[in-house]
N, C-alpha and C. Protein backbone atom coordinates (compact mmCIF):
# COMPACT_ATOMS: atom_id res chain seq x y z
N MET A 1 -27.84 3.94 4.09
CA MET A 1 -27.51 5.34 4.16
C MET A 1 -25.97 5.49 4.23
N ILE A 2 -25.41 6.09 3.24
CA ILE A 2 -24.01 6.58 3.21
C ILE A 2 -23.76 7.54 4.12
N LYS A 3 -22.58 7.38 4.97
CA LYS A 3 -22.40 8.33 6.15
C LYS A 3 -21.58 9.41 5.37
N ARG A 4 -21.72 10.75 6.09
CA ARG A 4 -20.86 11.88 5.46
C ARG A 4 -19.64 11.64 5.32
N GLU A 5 -18.82 11.07 6.34
CA GLU A 5 -17.50 10.85 6.45
C GLU A 5 -16.86 9.88 5.26
N THR A 6 -17.83 8.87 4.99
CA THR A 6 -17.55 7.89 3.71
C THR A 6 -17.50 8.79 2.45
N LEU A 7 -18.48 9.69 2.29
CA LEU A 7 -18.49 10.43 1.13
C LEU A 7 -17.14 11.26 1.08
N ILE A 8 -16.90 11.96 2.24
CA ILE A 8 -15.67 12.79 2.26
C ILE A 8 -14.39 12.10 1.88
N MET A 9 -14.27 10.93 2.44
CA MET A 9 -13.07 10.14 2.17
C MET A 9 -12.95 9.53 0.93
N SER A 10 -14.18 9.23 0.32
CA SER A 10 -14.40 8.80 -1.10
C SER A 10 -13.89 9.85 -2.05
N GLY A 11 -14.24 11.04 -1.77
CA GLY A 11 -13.97 12.22 -2.68
C GLY A 11 -12.31 12.45 -2.47
N ILE A 12 -11.78 12.42 -1.28
CA ILE A 12 -10.39 12.56 -1.04
C ILE A 12 -9.66 11.45 -1.72
N LEU A 13 -9.96 10.15 -1.71
CA LEU A 13 -9.25 8.89 -2.34
C LEU A 13 -9.38 9.31 -3.94
N ALA A 14 -10.56 9.71 -4.40
CA ALA A 14 -10.72 9.79 -5.89
C ALA A 14 -9.94 10.97 -6.27
N VAL A 15 -9.92 12.03 -5.72
CA VAL A 15 -9.01 13.26 -6.10
C VAL A 15 -7.41 12.92 -5.93
N SER A 16 -7.16 12.20 -4.97
CA SER A 16 -5.68 11.90 -4.70
C SER A 16 -5.31 10.83 -5.81
N ILE A 17 -5.99 9.89 -6.01
CA ILE A 17 -5.43 8.89 -7.05
C ILE A 17 -5.46 9.46 -8.35
N ALA A 18 -6.53 10.42 -8.85
CA ALA A 18 -6.45 11.06 -9.99
C ALA A 18 -5.30 11.93 -10.20
N ALA A 19 -4.90 12.60 -9.20
CA ALA A 19 -3.75 13.51 -9.15
C ALA A 19 -2.52 12.86 -9.29
N VAL A 20 -2.37 11.60 -8.77
CA VAL A 20 -1.21 10.69 -8.63
C VAL A 20 -0.97 10.23 -10.10
N ALA A 21 -2.17 9.81 -10.59
CA ALA A 21 -2.11 9.17 -12.03
C ALA A 21 -1.88 10.21 -13.09
N VAL A 22 -2.20 11.47 -12.92
CA VAL A 22 -1.92 12.47 -13.91
C VAL A 22 -0.55 12.79 -13.94
N VAL A 23 0.01 12.89 -12.65
CA VAL A 23 1.55 13.11 -12.52
C VAL A 23 2.37 11.89 -13.20
N ALA A 24 2.01 10.65 -12.86
CA ALA A 24 2.45 9.53 -13.55
C ALA A 24 2.40 9.39 -14.97
N ALA A 25 1.31 9.89 -15.52
CA ALA A 25 1.32 9.89 -16.93
C ALA A 25 2.16 11.03 -17.52
N LEU A 26 2.24 12.15 -16.94
CA LEU A 26 3.19 13.11 -17.30
C LEU A 26 4.71 12.77 -17.21
N MET A 27 4.99 11.80 -16.50
CA MET A 27 6.40 11.48 -16.19
C MET A 27 6.62 10.33 -17.08
N GLY A 28 5.68 9.83 -18.05
CA GLY A 28 5.92 8.84 -18.97
C GLY A 28 5.23 7.32 -18.58
N GLY A 29 4.29 7.30 -17.55
CA GLY A 29 3.47 6.34 -17.36
C GLY A 29 4.13 5.30 -16.47
N VAL A 30 5.00 5.93 -15.57
CA VAL A 30 5.63 5.12 -14.38
C VAL A 30 4.44 4.33 -13.68
N PRO A 31 5.06 3.30 -13.11
CA PRO A 31 3.85 2.45 -12.28
C PRO A 31 3.62 3.26 -10.98
N THR A 32 2.29 3.01 -10.67
CA THR A 32 1.79 3.91 -9.48
C THR A 32 1.15 2.85 -8.45
N TRP A 33 0.87 1.53 -8.79
CA TRP A 33 0.27 0.64 -7.92
C TRP A 33 0.81 0.53 -6.42
N PRO A 34 2.16 0.45 -6.38
CA PRO A 34 2.62 0.30 -5.08
C PRO A 34 2.46 1.77 -3.93
N GLY A 35 2.30 2.72 -4.70
CA GLY A 35 2.12 4.07 -3.83
C GLY A 35 0.63 4.08 -3.61
N TYR A 36 -0.44 3.69 -4.36
CA TYR A 36 -1.64 3.57 -3.98
C TYR A 36 -1.92 2.62 -2.95
N PHE A 37 -1.31 1.36 -3.08
CA PHE A 37 -1.35 0.34 -2.11
C PHE A 37 -1.08 0.82 -0.78
N LEU A 38 -0.15 1.50 -0.60
CA LEU A 38 0.19 2.04 0.79
C LEU A 38 -1.00 2.48 1.53
N VAL A 39 -1.49 3.46 1.01
CA VAL A 39 -2.74 4.01 1.77
C VAL A 39 -3.98 3.09 1.81
N LEU A 40 -4.39 2.60 0.60
CA LEU A 40 -5.47 1.65 0.63
C LEU A 40 -5.37 0.45 1.50
N LEU A 41 -4.20 -0.16 1.38
CA LEU A 41 -4.10 -1.28 2.49
C LEU A 41 -4.10 -0.85 3.84
N PHE A 42 -3.67 0.49 4.25
CA PHE A 42 -3.87 1.03 5.60
C PHE A 42 -5.26 1.07 6.01
N PHE A 43 -6.16 1.70 5.02
CA PHE A 43 -7.59 1.70 5.36
C PHE A 43 -8.30 0.24 5.45
N LEU A 44 -7.94 -0.57 4.38
CA LEU A 44 -8.42 -1.90 4.31
C LEU A 44 -8.21 -2.70 5.54
N GLY A 45 -6.78 -2.66 6.00
CA GLY A 45 -6.18 -3.32 7.08
C GLY A 45 -6.67 -2.75 8.47
N LYS A 46 -7.58 -1.81 8.46
CA LYS A 46 -8.10 -1.15 9.75
C LYS A 46 -7.16 -0.70 10.69
N CYS A 47 -5.91 -0.15 9.93
CA CYS A 47 -4.97 0.61 10.83
C CYS A 47 -5.60 1.55 11.65
N GLU A 48 -5.20 1.72 12.72
CA GLU A 48 -5.90 2.96 13.63
C GLU A 48 -4.86 4.12 13.75
N ARG A 49 -3.52 3.92 13.72
CA ARG A 49 -2.54 5.06 14.00
C ARG A 49 -1.88 5.21 12.76
N LEU A 50 -1.50 6.47 12.55
CA LEU A 50 -0.59 6.84 11.37
C LEU A 50 0.65 6.12 11.40
N ALA A 51 1.08 5.94 12.38
CA ALA A 51 2.47 5.04 12.66
C ALA A 51 2.38 3.72 12.06
N ASP A 52 1.01 3.10 11.92
CA ASP A 52 0.89 1.94 11.23
C ASP A 52 1.16 1.88 9.73
N LEU A 53 1.07 3.11 9.24
CA LEU A 53 1.74 3.16 7.85
C LEU A 53 3.01 2.76 7.69
N LYS A 54 3.85 2.80 8.57
CA LYS A 54 5.34 2.06 8.52
C LYS A 54 5.20 0.62 8.30
N ASP A 55 4.11 0.09 8.92
CA ASP A 55 4.05 -1.38 8.68
C ASP A 55 3.87 -1.82 7.28
N VAL A 56 2.94 -1.10 6.65
CA VAL A 56 2.38 -1.07 5.35
C VAL A 56 3.61 -0.93 4.39
N GLY A 57 4.36 0.18 4.60
CA GLY A 57 5.44 0.60 3.70
C GLY A 57 6.61 -0.46 3.77
N CYS A 58 7.03 -0.77 5.06
CA CYS A 58 8.22 -1.69 5.12
C CYS A 58 7.80 -3.14 4.65
N GLY A 59 6.53 -3.63 4.98
CA GLY A 59 6.04 -4.78 4.22
C GLY A 59 6.02 -4.87 2.91
N GLY A 60 5.53 -3.73 2.32
CA GLY A 60 5.34 -3.59 0.98
C GLY A 60 6.78 -3.62 0.17
N ALA A 61 7.79 -2.90 0.77
CA ALA A 61 9.13 -3.03 0.07
C ALA A 61 9.64 -4.47 0.17
N VAL A 62 9.31 -5.05 1.42
CA VAL A 62 9.94 -6.60 1.48
C VAL A 62 9.22 -7.36 0.34
N GLY A 63 7.80 -7.09 0.24
CA GLY A 63 7.02 -8.07 -0.75
C GLY A 63 7.57 -7.84 -2.09
N ILE A 64 7.98 -6.66 -2.43
CA ILE A 64 8.36 -6.41 -3.70
C ILE A 64 9.77 -6.91 -4.08
N VAL A 65 10.58 -6.84 -3.22
CA VAL A 65 11.95 -7.55 -3.26
C VAL A 65 11.83 -8.83 -3.25
N TRP A 66 10.94 -9.47 -2.33
CA TRP A 66 10.77 -10.92 -2.24
C TRP A 66 10.30 -11.52 -3.61
N SER A 67 9.40 -10.86 -4.31
CA SER A 67 8.85 -11.20 -5.59
C SER A 67 10.07 -11.35 -6.51
N LEU A 68 11.02 -10.52 -6.60
CA LEU A 68 12.17 -10.44 -7.51
C LEU A 68 13.09 -11.71 -7.09
N GLY A 69 13.28 -11.79 -5.76
CA GLY A 69 14.15 -13.10 -5.50
C GLY A 69 13.53 -14.24 -5.77
N CYS A 70 12.09 -14.46 -5.78
CA CYS A 70 11.48 -15.55 -6.21
C CYS A 70 11.49 -15.78 -7.62
N SER A 71 11.45 -14.76 -8.47
CA SER A 71 11.50 -14.78 -9.94
C SER A 71 13.09 -15.21 -10.23
N LEU A 72 13.92 -14.70 -9.47
CA LEU A 72 15.39 -15.27 -9.95
C LEU A 72 15.63 -16.69 -9.42
N ALA A 73 14.94 -17.03 -8.34
CA ALA A 73 15.20 -18.37 -7.84
C ALA A 73 14.61 -19.46 -8.91
N ILE A 74 13.36 -19.06 -9.31
CA ILE A 74 12.74 -19.93 -10.29
C ILE A 74 13.51 -20.06 -11.54
N GLY A 75 14.07 -18.94 -12.07
CA GLY A 75 14.92 -18.80 -13.23
C GLY A 75 16.11 -19.80 -13.15
N THR A 76 16.57 -19.85 -11.87
CA THR A 76 17.83 -20.57 -11.59
C THR A 76 17.61 -21.92 -11.52
N LEU A 77 16.42 -22.38 -10.91
CA LEU A 77 16.17 -23.86 -10.78
C LEU A 77 15.44 -24.56 -11.92
N ALA A 78 14.66 -23.79 -12.66
CA ALA A 78 14.01 -24.25 -13.88
C ALA A 78 14.80 -25.02 -14.88
N PRO A 79 16.04 -24.56 -15.16
CA PRO A 79 16.82 -25.55 -16.26
C PRO A 79 17.10 -26.95 -15.65
N ALA A 80 17.24 -26.88 -14.42
CA ALA A 80 17.75 -28.22 -13.71
C ALA A 80 16.40 -29.16 -13.48
N LEU A 81 15.38 -28.35 -12.88
CA LEU A 81 14.29 -29.17 -12.26
C LEU A 81 13.04 -28.97 -13.28
N GLY A 82 12.94 -28.21 -14.35
CA GLY A 82 11.76 -27.89 -15.11
C GLY A 82 10.90 -26.83 -14.36
N GLN A 83 10.25 -26.16 -15.10
CA GLN A 83 9.48 -24.89 -14.78
C GLN A 83 8.36 -25.24 -13.61
N PRO A 84 7.69 -26.13 -13.99
CA PRO A 84 6.64 -26.46 -12.82
C PRO A 84 7.20 -26.96 -11.52
N ALA A 85 8.26 -27.65 -11.50
CA ALA A 85 8.92 -28.15 -10.21
C ALA A 85 9.49 -26.90 -9.54
N ALA A 86 10.20 -26.24 -10.26
CA ALA A 86 10.94 -24.95 -9.83
C ALA A 86 10.01 -23.95 -9.29
N LEU A 87 8.75 -23.73 -9.85
CA LEU A 87 7.77 -22.96 -9.54
C LEU A 87 7.27 -23.37 -8.13
N GLY A 88 6.81 -24.67 -8.09
CA GLY A 88 6.28 -25.17 -6.91
C GLY A 88 7.09 -25.21 -5.66
N ILE A 89 8.57 -25.54 -6.04
CA ILE A 89 9.37 -25.46 -4.77
C ILE A 89 9.54 -24.12 -4.17
N VAL A 90 9.58 -23.12 -5.07
CA VAL A 90 9.94 -21.73 -4.80
C VAL A 90 8.80 -21.05 -4.06
N LEU A 91 7.66 -21.24 -4.69
CA LEU A 91 6.33 -20.85 -3.96
C LEU A 91 6.17 -21.38 -2.69
N PHE A 92 6.38 -22.80 -2.46
CA PHE A 92 6.20 -23.34 -1.25
C PHE A 92 6.99 -22.51 -0.15
N ALA A 93 8.41 -22.62 -0.48
CA ALA A 93 9.44 -22.02 0.21
C ALA A 93 9.18 -20.60 0.69
N SER A 94 8.95 -19.78 -0.34
CA SER A 94 8.76 -18.46 -0.15
C SER A 94 7.48 -18.05 0.71
N ILE A 95 6.42 -18.79 0.46
CA ILE A 95 5.19 -18.53 1.31
C ILE A 95 5.41 -19.02 2.76
N PHE A 96 5.89 -20.16 2.87
CA PHE A 96 6.25 -20.61 4.00
C PHE A 96 7.12 -19.66 4.87
N LEU A 97 8.33 -19.19 4.26
CA LEU A 97 9.27 -18.27 5.05
C LEU A 97 8.53 -16.95 5.28
N LEU A 98 7.71 -16.39 4.41
CA LEU A 98 6.88 -15.13 4.42
C LEU A 98 6.00 -15.29 5.88
N ALA A 99 5.37 -16.38 5.98
CA ALA A 99 4.52 -16.47 7.06
C ALA A 99 5.28 -16.66 8.26
N ALA A 100 6.34 -17.53 8.30
CA ALA A 100 7.00 -17.95 9.47
C ALA A 100 7.90 -16.83 10.19
N LEU A 101 8.45 -16.06 9.19
CA LEU A 101 9.30 -14.89 9.62
C LEU A 101 8.36 -13.86 10.31
N GLY A 102 7.18 -13.80 10.08
CA GLY A 102 6.41 -12.80 10.79
C GLY A 102 6.43 -12.81 12.40
N ASP A 103 6.73 -14.08 12.86
CA ASP A 103 6.97 -14.09 14.35
C ASP A 103 8.33 -13.39 14.75
N VAL A 104 9.27 -13.50 13.84
CA VAL A 104 10.59 -13.05 14.10
C VAL A 104 10.80 -11.54 13.93
N CYS A 105 10.10 -11.08 12.83
CA CYS A 105 10.21 -9.53 12.47
C CYS A 105 8.88 -9.20 11.77
N PRO A 106 7.90 -8.73 12.72
CA PRO A 106 6.52 -8.53 12.10
C PRO A 106 6.55 -7.12 11.35
N LEU A 107 7.46 -6.38 11.61
CA LEU A 107 7.47 -5.08 10.76
C LEU A 107 7.71 -5.30 9.35
N LEU A 108 8.72 -6.41 8.90
CA LEU A 108 8.96 -6.55 7.63
C LEU A 108 8.07 -7.59 7.09
N PHE A 109 7.90 -8.83 7.95
CA PHE A 109 7.32 -10.02 7.37
C PHE A 109 5.89 -9.87 7.83
N ASN A 110 5.01 -9.25 7.12
CA ASN A 110 3.69 -9.15 7.58
C ASN A 110 2.64 -9.46 6.62
N ASN A 111 1.31 -9.23 6.72
CA ASN A 111 0.23 -9.33 5.74
C ASN A 111 0.62 -8.50 4.52
N TYR A 112 0.93 -7.33 4.78
CA TYR A 112 1.35 -6.30 3.66
C TYR A 112 2.40 -6.78 2.88
N ALA A 113 3.47 -7.51 3.27
CA ALA A 113 4.45 -8.07 2.52
C ALA A 113 3.97 -9.37 1.69
N PHE A 114 3.01 -9.86 2.21
CA PHE A 114 2.43 -10.83 1.46
C PHE A 114 1.63 -10.47 0.34
N VAL A 115 0.79 -9.37 0.57
CA VAL A 115 -0.24 -8.74 -0.50
C VAL A 115 0.71 -8.23 -1.63
N TYR A 116 1.75 -7.36 -1.23
CA TYR A 116 2.81 -6.80 -2.26
C TYR A 116 3.22 -7.81 -3.08
N TYR A 117 3.92 -8.97 -2.38
CA TYR A 117 4.50 -9.95 -3.13
C TYR A 117 3.68 -10.73 -4.07
N LEU A 118 2.30 -10.98 -3.87
CA LEU A 118 1.45 -11.61 -4.83
C LEU A 118 1.17 -10.70 -5.89
N ILE A 119 1.00 -9.45 -5.53
CA ILE A 119 0.70 -8.42 -6.74
C ILE A 119 1.92 -8.44 -7.52
N ALA A 120 3.10 -8.16 -7.15
CA ALA A 120 4.55 -8.10 -7.93
C ALA A 120 4.58 -9.46 -8.55
N ALA A 121 4.20 -10.49 -8.11
CA ALA A 121 4.45 -11.79 -8.65
C ALA A 121 3.70 -11.99 -9.87
N LEU A 122 2.58 -11.19 -10.06
CA LEU A 122 1.76 -11.40 -11.24
C LEU A 122 2.31 -10.83 -12.49
N PHE A 123 3.20 -9.97 -12.39
CA PHE A 123 3.87 -9.44 -13.53
C PHE A 123 5.18 -10.34 -13.96
N ALA A 124 4.95 -10.51 -15.34
CA ALA A 124 6.05 -11.48 -15.91
C ALA A 124 7.39 -10.75 -15.74
N GLU A 125 7.57 -9.45 -16.12
CA GLU A 125 8.74 -8.73 -15.94
C GLU A 125 8.75 -7.85 -14.40
N GLN A 126 9.74 -8.27 -13.69
CA GLN A 126 9.94 -7.76 -12.41
C GLN A 126 10.37 -6.23 -12.55
N ALA A 127 9.77 -5.13 -12.12
CA ALA A 127 10.22 -3.76 -12.18
C ALA A 127 10.53 -3.43 -10.83
N THR A 128 11.38 -3.99 -9.97
CA THR A 128 11.70 -3.84 -8.60
C THR A 128 12.06 -2.55 -8.19
N LEU A 129 12.86 -1.83 -8.99
CA LEU A 129 13.33 -0.56 -8.66
C LEU A 129 12.20 0.50 -8.88
N ALA A 130 11.57 0.28 -10.05
CA ALA A 130 10.41 1.29 -10.26
C ALA A 130 9.25 1.15 -9.31
N TRP A 131 9.02 -0.13 -8.71
CA TRP A 131 7.95 -0.29 -8.03
C TRP A 131 8.24 0.28 -6.46
N LEU A 132 9.63 -0.01 -5.98
CA LEU A 132 10.16 0.69 -4.84
C LEU A 132 10.13 2.20 -4.97
N ALA A 133 10.51 2.63 -6.03
CA ALA A 133 10.45 4.17 -6.19
C ALA A 133 9.03 4.78 -6.13
N SER A 134 8.04 3.87 -6.72
CA SER A 134 6.66 4.30 -6.69
C SER A 134 6.14 4.09 -5.26
N LEU A 135 6.50 3.11 -4.40
CA LEU A 135 6.11 3.08 -3.21
C LEU A 135 6.45 4.30 -2.26
N VAL A 136 7.46 4.81 -2.60
CA VAL A 136 8.00 6.14 -1.59
C VAL A 136 7.74 7.40 -2.48
N GLY A 137 7.90 7.23 -3.78
CA GLY A 137 7.75 8.63 -4.56
C GLY A 137 6.25 8.81 -4.79
N PHE A 138 5.39 7.95 -4.92
CA PHE A 138 3.95 8.19 -5.05
C PHE A 138 3.32 7.82 -3.83
N GLY A 139 3.76 6.86 -2.87
CA GLY A 139 2.94 6.70 -1.71
C GLY A 139 3.06 7.84 -0.71
N ALA A 140 4.32 8.49 -0.59
CA ALA A 140 4.25 9.73 0.40
C ALA A 140 3.42 10.62 0.03
N PRO A 141 3.47 11.17 -1.24
CA PRO A 141 2.55 12.27 -1.50
C PRO A 141 1.05 11.96 -1.49
N PHE A 142 0.76 10.77 -1.92
CA PHE A 142 -0.61 10.19 -1.77
C PHE A 142 -1.14 9.97 -0.52
N ALA A 143 -0.08 9.67 0.41
CA ALA A 143 -0.54 9.51 2.04
C ALA A 143 -0.79 11.03 2.46
N LEU A 144 0.05 11.94 2.02
CA LEU A 144 -0.04 13.24 2.56
C LEU A 144 -1.47 13.78 2.15
N MET A 145 -1.76 13.70 0.90
CA MET A 145 -3.01 14.17 0.16
C MET A 145 -4.25 13.41 0.94
N VAL A 146 -4.14 12.04 1.26
CA VAL A 146 -5.24 11.68 1.96
C VAL A 146 -5.43 11.86 3.37
N PHE A 147 -4.36 11.83 4.13
CA PHE A 147 -4.42 12.04 5.43
C PHE A 147 -4.48 13.55 5.80
N GLY A 148 -4.11 14.29 4.89
CA GLY A 148 -3.98 15.79 5.00
C GLY A 148 -5.53 16.16 4.71
N GLY A 149 -6.25 15.62 3.82
CA GLY A 149 -7.67 15.98 3.50
C GLY A 149 -8.40 15.41 4.44
N LYS A 150 -8.20 14.32 5.07
CA LYS A 150 -9.02 13.70 6.12
C LYS A 150 -8.88 14.64 7.44
N TRP A 151 -7.68 15.03 7.72
CA TRP A 151 -7.47 15.84 9.02
C TRP A 151 -8.34 17.34 8.64
N LEU A 152 -8.14 17.85 7.42
CA LEU A 152 -8.71 19.08 7.19
C LEU A 152 -10.35 18.99 7.02
N LEU A 153 -10.84 18.12 6.43
CA LEU A 153 -12.29 17.98 6.32
C LEU A 153 -13.19 17.13 7.24
N ILE A 154 -12.31 16.25 7.95
CA ILE A 154 -13.30 15.47 8.98
C ILE A 154 -12.69 15.61 10.27
N ASP A 155 -11.20 15.31 10.54
CA ASP A 155 -10.94 15.47 12.10
C ASP A 155 -10.92 16.84 12.52
N ARG A 156 -10.45 17.79 11.77
CA ARG A 156 -10.35 19.17 12.36
C ARG A 156 -11.91 19.85 12.68
N PRO A 157 -12.80 19.64 11.79
CA PRO A 157 -14.17 20.06 12.17
C PRO A 157 -14.76 19.32 13.43
N ALA A 158 -14.42 18.25 13.47
CA ALA A 158 -14.80 17.22 14.63
C ALA A 158 -14.19 17.75 16.06
N GLN A 159 -13.11 18.05 15.90
CA GLN A 159 -12.36 18.58 17.03
C GLN A 159 -12.94 19.91 17.39
N ARG A 160 -13.31 20.80 16.55
CA ARG A 160 -13.91 22.09 16.76
C ARG A 160 -15.42 21.89 17.38
N ARG A 161 -16.02 20.95 16.80
CA ARG A 161 -17.42 20.72 17.43
C ARG A 161 -17.27 20.32 19.00
N ASP A 162 -16.34 19.23 19.10
CA ASP A 162 -16.29 18.64 20.35
C ASP A 162 -15.62 19.74 21.46
N SER A 163 -14.79 20.65 21.04
CA SER A 163 -14.33 21.62 21.95
C SER A 163 -15.35 22.77 22.27
N ASN A 164 -16.19 23.04 21.29
CA ASN A 164 -17.23 23.96 21.59
C ASN A 164 -18.45 23.63 21.94
N GLY A 165 -18.76 22.37 22.16
CA GLY A 165 -20.02 21.82 22.42
C GLY A 165 -20.79 21.71 21.18
N PRO A 166 -22.04 21.49 21.13
CA PRO A 166 -22.77 21.17 19.97
C PRO A 166 -22.65 22.51 19.13
N LEU A 167 -22.76 22.26 17.79
CA LEU A 167 -22.76 23.41 16.90
C LEU A 167 -24.12 24.09 16.82
N THR A 168 -24.29 25.40 17.04
CA THR A 168 -25.59 26.01 17.06
C THR A 168 -25.48 27.08 16.03
N VAL A 169 -26.62 27.43 15.35
CA VAL A 169 -26.63 28.41 14.47
C VAL A 169 -27.30 29.69 15.20
N THR A 170 -26.69 30.79 15.22
CA THR A 170 -27.19 31.88 15.82
C THR A 170 -27.64 32.93 14.59
N ARG A 171 -28.67 33.69 14.86
CA ARG A 171 -29.21 34.73 13.85
C ARG A 171 -28.76 35.97 14.25
N LEU A 172 -28.29 36.72 13.27
CA LEU A 172 -27.94 38.27 13.62
C LEU A 172 -29.03 39.04 13.61
């Protein structure tokens, strides 16, 4: 049985993603995936506080920039070592560092950085500035729509029910 809250959140996510996609299309088809991932990874990561969104956003920015750095490093090493060797060395070093630096600075080097890095690395052409702009430019309004809709349609009615006792229907 699907819960009422799940249906509401599904509707909020669907409306929000569609709205952001339409705006992106009107802007000439700018990339939107970094903005969507901000909120989707928040929910998938079972984050409990809105402040946890900062971890996703900061990690996302690091992952996007990390991908560009790896792409540049591979391009630099490939002429001397060959493409396969350059790819292997850079992937080993970058994954090792992403994981190890999590102990030093978990705000920046976290699972979200790793996810954004992997997605960004799938693209042959790095669009780092556009992706960072999308992370903020689409991520912020998308987050406002999703969290605002959740508060308006789920949290606020639940708070009213809790403060007034059980809901009852009275006949006039």
